[in-house]
């Protein structure tokens, strides 16, 4: 099980990224628009830098929904390999058969 603080910090990042997504998208569109003047683009970059760092979607870490583990994460299932193996052995994941010989 991961530290509670790490899990909560990641939840806060998800919330902030969702909250600032529209504003960030508009500022990036202005900053990357080559048809606009340099001053206008630079102003957009400065406003973008004023946004909270944790509102950037690249700071979000994929974590297991069951244990909070950040490594060996399967995107399709939303969990780590360890949780997948445990739940698969218990027969709680439909269609998954754990091999044994």
N, C-alpha and C. Protein backbone atom coordinates (compact mmCIF):
# COMPACT_ATOMS: atom_id res chain seq x y z
N UNK A 1 0.84 -1.18 0.00
CA UNK A 1 0.00 0.00 0.00
C UNK A 1 0.88 1.25 0.00
N UNK A 2 0.56 2.17 -0.86
CA UNK A 2 1.34 3.41 -0.95
C UNK A 2 1.00 4.34 0.21
N UNK A 3 1.87 5.33 0.42
CA UNK A 3 1.61 6.30 1.48
C UNK A 3 0.34 7.08 1.17
N UNK A 4 -0.44 7.33 2.19
CA UNK A 4 -1.70 8.07 2.01
C UNK A 4 -1.43 9.46 1.45
N UNK A 5 -0.34 10.08 1.90
CA UNK A 5 -0.03 11.44 1.46
C UNK A 5 0.23 11.48 -0.05
N UNK A 6 0.89 10.45 -0.58
CA UNK A 6 1.17 10.39 -2.01
C UNK A 6 -0.11 10.23 -2.82
N UNK A 7 -1.00 9.41 -2.31
CA UNK A 7 -2.28 9.18 -2.99
C UNK A 7 -3.11 10.45 -2.99
N UNK A 8 -3.17 11.13 -1.84
CA UNK A 8 -3.95 12.36 -1.72
C UNK A 8 -3.35 13.48 -2.57
N UNK A 9 -2.03 13.55 -2.64
CA UNK A 9 -1.36 14.57 -3.46
C UNK A 9 -1.72 14.36 -4.92
N UNK A 10 -1.77 13.11 -5.35
CA UNK A 10 -2.12 12.81 -6.74
C UNK A 10 -3.59 13.15 -7.02
N UNK A 11 -4.46 12.93 -6.03
CA UNK A 11 -5.88 13.29 -6.20
C UNK A 11 -6.02 14.80 -6.36
N UNK A 12 -5.24 15.56 -5.58
CA UNK A 12 -5.27 17.01 -5.69
C UNK A 12 -4.80 17.45 -7.07
N UNK A 13 -3.76 16.80 -7.58
CA UNK A 13 -3.27 17.13 -8.92
C UNK A 13 -4.32 16.87 -9.98
N UNK A 14 -5.04 15.75 -9.86
CA UNK A 14 -6.12 15.45 -10.82
C UNK A 14 -7.20 16.52 -10.77
N UNK A 15 -7.55 16.93 -9.57
CA UNK A 15 -8.60 17.95 -9.39
C UNK A 15 -8.16 19.29 -9.99
N UNK A 16 -6.92 19.69 -9.71
CA UNK A 16 -6.42 20.96 -10.24
C UNK A 16 -6.29 20.92 -11.76
N UNK A 17 -5.84 19.80 -12.30
CA UNK A 17 -5.71 19.68 -13.76
C UNK A 17 -7.06 19.82 -14.44
N UNK A 18 -8.08 19.24 -13.83
CA UNK A 18 -9.43 19.34 -14.38
C UNK A 18 -9.96 20.77 -14.26
N UNK A 19 -9.66 21.42 -13.14
CA UNK A 19 -10.14 22.77 -12.87
C UNK A 19 -9.53 23.79 -13.83
N UNK A 20 -8.24 23.66 -14.13
CA UNK A 20 -7.53 24.63 -14.95
C UNK A 20 -7.39 24.20 -16.41
N UNK A 21 -8.01 23.12 -16.81
CA UNK A 21 -7.83 22.57 -18.16
C UNK A 21 -8.23 23.56 -19.25
N UNK A 22 -9.38 24.19 -19.11
CA UNK A 22 -9.86 25.12 -20.12
C UNK A 22 -8.97 26.34 -20.25
N UNK A 23 -8.59 26.92 -19.12
CA UNK A 23 -7.74 28.10 -19.11
C UNK A 23 -6.37 27.78 -19.72
N UNK A 24 -5.82 26.64 -19.34
CA UNK A 24 -4.51 26.22 -19.85
C UNK A 24 -4.57 26.00 -21.36
N UNK A 25 -5.65 25.40 -21.83
CA UNK A 25 -5.80 25.13 -23.26
C UNK A 25 -5.89 26.42 -24.07
N UNK A 26 -6.66 27.40 -23.55
CA UNK A 26 -6.77 28.68 -24.26
C UNK A 26 -5.43 29.41 -24.31
N UNK A 27 -4.71 29.43 -23.20
CA UNK A 27 -3.41 30.12 -23.16
C UNK A 27 -2.40 29.44 -24.08
N UNK A 28 -2.40 28.12 -24.12
CA UNK A 28 -1.49 27.39 -25.00
C UNK A 28 -1.81 27.66 -26.47
N UNK A 29 -3.10 27.78 -26.78
CA UNK A 29 -3.50 28.06 -28.16
C UNK A 29 -2.97 29.43 -28.59
N UNK A 30 -3.07 30.43 -27.70
CA UNK A 30 -2.56 31.77 -28.01
C UNK A 30 -1.03 31.74 -28.11
N UNK A 31 -0.38 31.05 -27.16
CA UNK A 31 1.08 31.03 -27.13
C UNK A 31 1.69 30.32 -28.34
N UNK A 32 1.00 29.36 -28.88
CA UNK A 32 1.52 28.60 -30.02
C UNK A 32 1.05 29.11 -31.38
N UNK A 33 0.19 30.12 -31.39
CA UNK A 33 -0.36 30.67 -32.63
C UNK A 33 0.67 31.61 -33.27
N UNK A 34 1.25 31.19 -34.38
CA UNK A 34 2.29 31.97 -35.03
C UNK A 34 1.74 33.22 -35.72
N UNK A 35 0.43 33.29 -35.92
CA UNK A 35 -0.17 34.45 -36.58
C UNK A 35 -0.24 35.65 -35.63
N UNK A 36 -0.18 35.41 -34.34
CA UNK A 36 -0.25 36.50 -33.36
C UNK A 36 1.12 37.15 -33.18
N UNK A 37 1.11 38.34 -32.58
CA UNK A 37 2.36 39.07 -32.37
C UNK A 37 3.19 38.40 -31.27
N UNK A 38 4.50 38.70 -31.26
CA UNK A 38 5.40 38.13 -30.27
C UNK A 38 5.02 38.56 -28.86
N UNK A 39 4.61 39.82 -28.70
CA UNK A 39 4.25 40.33 -27.38
C UNK A 39 3.04 39.58 -26.81
N UNK A 40 2.07 39.36 -27.69
CA UNK A 40 0.85 38.67 -27.27
C UNK A 40 1.15 37.22 -26.87
N UNK A 41 2.01 36.57 -27.65
CA UNK A 41 2.39 35.18 -27.34
C UNK A 41 3.20 35.10 -26.05
N UNK A 42 4.08 36.08 -25.85
CA UNK A 42 4.89 36.11 -24.64
C UNK A 42 4.02 36.36 -23.41
N UNK A 43 3.04 37.22 -23.57
CA UNK A 43 2.09 37.50 -22.48
C UNK A 43 1.32 36.23 -22.09
N UNK A 44 0.93 35.45 -23.08
CA UNK A 44 0.23 34.19 -22.81
C UNK A 44 1.15 33.21 -22.08
N UNK A 45 2.42 33.17 -22.46
CA UNK A 45 3.38 32.29 -21.78
C UNK A 45 3.56 32.70 -20.33
N UNK A 46 3.59 34.00 -20.06
CA UNK A 46 3.73 34.48 -18.68
C UNK A 46 2.51 34.11 -17.84
N UNK A 47 1.32 34.25 -18.42
CA UNK A 47 0.09 33.87 -17.71
C UNK A 47 0.05 32.36 -17.47
N UNK A 48 0.55 31.61 -18.43
CA UNK A 48 0.62 30.16 -18.29
C UNK A 48 1.55 29.76 -17.15
N UNK A 49 2.64 30.50 -17.00
CA UNK A 49 3.60 30.22 -15.94
C UNK A 49 3.04 30.57 -14.56
N UNK A 50 2.04 31.46 -14.51
CA UNK A 50 1.44 31.85 -13.24
C UNK A 50 0.45 30.80 -12.70
N UNK A 51 0.01 29.90 -13.57
CA UNK A 51 -0.91 28.84 -13.12
C UNK A 51 -0.18 27.92 -12.15
N UNK A 52 -0.91 27.27 -11.24
CA UNK A 52 -0.25 26.35 -10.31
C UNK A 52 0.45 25.21 -11.05
N UNK A 53 1.61 24.83 -10.55
CA UNK A 53 2.35 23.75 -11.20
C UNK A 53 1.58 22.45 -11.20
N UNK A 54 0.89 22.18 -10.13
CA UNK A 54 0.15 20.92 -10.03
C UNK A 54 -1.09 20.89 -10.92
N UNK A 55 -1.39 21.98 -11.62
CA UNK A 55 -2.53 21.96 -12.54
C UNK A 55 -2.13 21.43 -13.91
N UNK A 56 -0.86 21.12 -14.08
CA UNK A 56 -0.40 20.56 -15.35
C UNK A 56 -0.70 19.06 -15.39
N UNK A 57 -1.30 18.57 -16.47
CA UNK A 57 -1.64 17.15 -16.55
C UNK A 57 -0.42 16.23 -16.57
N UNK A 58 0.75 16.75 -16.91
CA UNK A 58 1.94 15.89 -16.95
C UNK A 58 2.43 15.54 -15.55
N UNK A 59 1.96 16.24 -14.53
CA UNK A 59 2.39 15.95 -13.16
C UNK A 59 1.56 14.85 -12.50
N UNK A 60 0.49 14.42 -13.17
CA UNK A 60 -0.36 13.36 -12.63
C UNK A 60 0.33 12.02 -12.83
N UNK A 61 0.35 11.22 -11.78
CA UNK A 61 0.98 9.90 -11.82
C UNK A 61 -0.10 8.84 -11.86
N UNK A 62 0.01 7.90 -12.78
CA UNK A 62 -0.94 6.78 -12.82
C UNK A 62 -0.69 5.89 -11.61
N UNK A 63 -1.74 5.65 -10.85
CA UNK A 63 -1.61 4.82 -9.65
C UNK A 63 -2.69 3.74 -9.65
N UNK A 64 -2.37 2.62 -9.02
CA UNK A 64 -3.30 1.50 -8.89
C UNK A 64 -4.51 1.96 -8.09
N UNK A 65 -5.71 1.63 -8.57
CA UNK A 65 -6.94 1.99 -7.86
C UNK A 65 -7.10 1.21 -6.57
N UNK A 66 -6.52 0.03 -6.50
CA UNK A 66 -6.68 -0.84 -5.34
C UNK A 66 -5.67 -0.50 -4.25
N UNK A 67 -4.38 -0.42 -4.62
CA UNK A 67 -3.33 -0.25 -3.62
C UNK A 67 -2.66 1.11 -3.64
N UNK A 68 -2.76 1.84 -4.73
CA UNK A 68 -2.09 3.12 -4.85
C UNK A 68 -0.67 3.01 -5.36
N UNK A 69 -0.25 1.81 -5.73
CA UNK A 69 1.11 1.57 -6.22
C UNK A 69 1.34 2.33 -7.53
N UNK A 70 2.47 3.09 -7.64
CA UNK A 70 2.70 3.88 -8.84
C UNK A 70 3.40 3.13 -9.98
N UNK A 71 4.00 2.01 -9.70
CA UNK A 71 4.75 1.29 -10.74
C UNK A 71 3.98 0.06 -11.22
N UNK A 72 4.39 -0.44 -12.38
CA UNK A 72 3.78 -1.64 -12.99
C UNK A 72 2.28 -1.47 -13.09
N UNK A 73 1.85 -0.35 -13.68
CA UNK A 73 0.44 0.03 -13.78
C UNK A 73 -0.09 -0.36 -15.16
N UNK A 74 -1.19 -1.09 -15.19
CA UNK A 74 -1.85 -1.44 -16.44
C UNK A 74 -2.96 -0.43 -16.70
N UNK A 75 -2.82 0.37 -17.76
CA UNK A 75 -3.79 1.42 -18.05
C UNK A 75 -5.18 0.85 -18.33
N UNK A 76 -5.21 -0.24 -19.06
CA UNK A 76 -6.49 -0.82 -19.47
C UNK A 76 -7.33 -1.25 -18.26
N UNK A 77 -6.66 -1.72 -17.22
CA UNK A 77 -7.36 -2.22 -16.04
C UNK A 77 -7.35 -1.23 -14.89
N UNK A 78 -6.43 -0.27 -14.89
CA UNK A 78 -6.36 0.72 -13.83
C UNK A 78 -5.79 0.19 -12.53
N UNK A 79 -4.97 -0.85 -12.63
CA UNK A 79 -4.37 -1.40 -11.41
C UNK A 79 -2.98 -1.93 -11.69
N UNK A 80 -2.26 -2.21 -10.61
CA UNK A 80 -0.89 -2.70 -10.74
C UNK A 80 -0.89 -4.21 -10.99
N UNK A 81 0.26 -4.71 -11.37
CA UNK A 81 0.39 -6.14 -11.67
C UNK A 81 0.15 -7.00 -10.43
N UNK A 82 0.52 -6.50 -9.26
CA UNK A 82 0.35 -7.27 -8.03
C UNK A 82 -1.12 -7.39 -7.67
N UNK A 83 -1.85 -6.28 -7.75
CA UNK A 83 -3.28 -6.30 -7.46
C UNK A 83 -4.01 -7.16 -8.50
N UNK A 84 -3.59 -7.07 -9.75
CA UNK A 84 -4.19 -7.87 -10.82
C UNK A 84 -4.01 -9.35 -10.53
N UNK A 85 -2.83 -9.74 -10.11
CA UNK A 85 -2.55 -11.14 -9.82
C UNK A 85 -3.39 -11.65 -8.64
N UNK A 86 -3.48 -10.84 -7.58
CA UNK A 86 -4.25 -11.25 -6.40
C UNK A 86 -5.73 -11.39 -6.73
N UNK A 87 -6.30 -10.38 -7.41
CA UNK A 87 -7.71 -10.43 -7.75
C UNK A 87 -8.00 -11.53 -8.78
N UNK A 88 -7.05 -11.76 -9.69
CA UNK A 88 -7.21 -12.84 -10.67
C UNK A 88 -7.20 -14.20 -10.02
N UNK A 89 -6.36 -14.37 -9.00
CA UNK A 89 -6.30 -15.65 -8.29
C UNK A 89 -7.59 -15.92 -7.53
N UNK A 90 -8.22 -14.86 -7.05
CA UNK A 90 -9.47 -15.00 -6.31
C UNK A 90 -10.67 -15.14 -7.25
N UNK A 91 -10.45 -14.94 -8.55
CA UNK A 91 -11.53 -15.06 -9.52
C UNK A 91 -12.43 -13.85 -9.58
N UNK A 92 -11.92 -12.68 -9.20
CA UNK A 92 -12.74 -11.47 -9.16
C UNK A 92 -12.67 -10.65 -10.44
N UNK A 93 -11.80 -11.04 -11.38
CA UNK A 93 -11.71 -10.32 -12.65
C UNK A 93 -12.26 -11.22 -13.74
N UNK A 94 -13.39 -10.83 -14.34
CA UNK A 94 -14.01 -11.68 -15.36
C UNK A 94 -13.12 -11.84 -16.59
N UNK A 95 -13.00 -13.07 -17.05
CA UNK A 95 -12.24 -13.37 -18.25
C UNK A 95 -10.76 -13.59 -18.00
N UNK A 96 -10.30 -13.40 -16.79
CA UNK A 96 -8.88 -13.58 -16.49
C UNK A 96 -8.68 -14.93 -15.83
N UNK A 97 -7.79 -15.73 -16.42
CA UNK A 97 -7.47 -17.03 -15.86
C UNK A 97 -5.98 -17.05 -15.59
N UNK A 98 -5.61 -17.21 -14.34
CA UNK A 98 -4.20 -17.24 -13.97
C UNK A 98 -3.66 -18.64 -14.27
N UNK A 99 -2.57 -18.67 -15.01
CA UNK A 99 -2.01 -19.97 -15.36
C UNK A 99 -1.27 -20.59 -14.18
N UNK A 100 -1.38 -21.88 -14.06
CA UNK A 100 -0.62 -22.62 -13.04
C UNK A 100 -0.36 -24.02 -13.57
N UNK A 101 0.82 -24.52 -13.31
CA UNK A 101 1.17 -25.87 -13.78
C UNK A 101 2.00 -26.60 -12.80
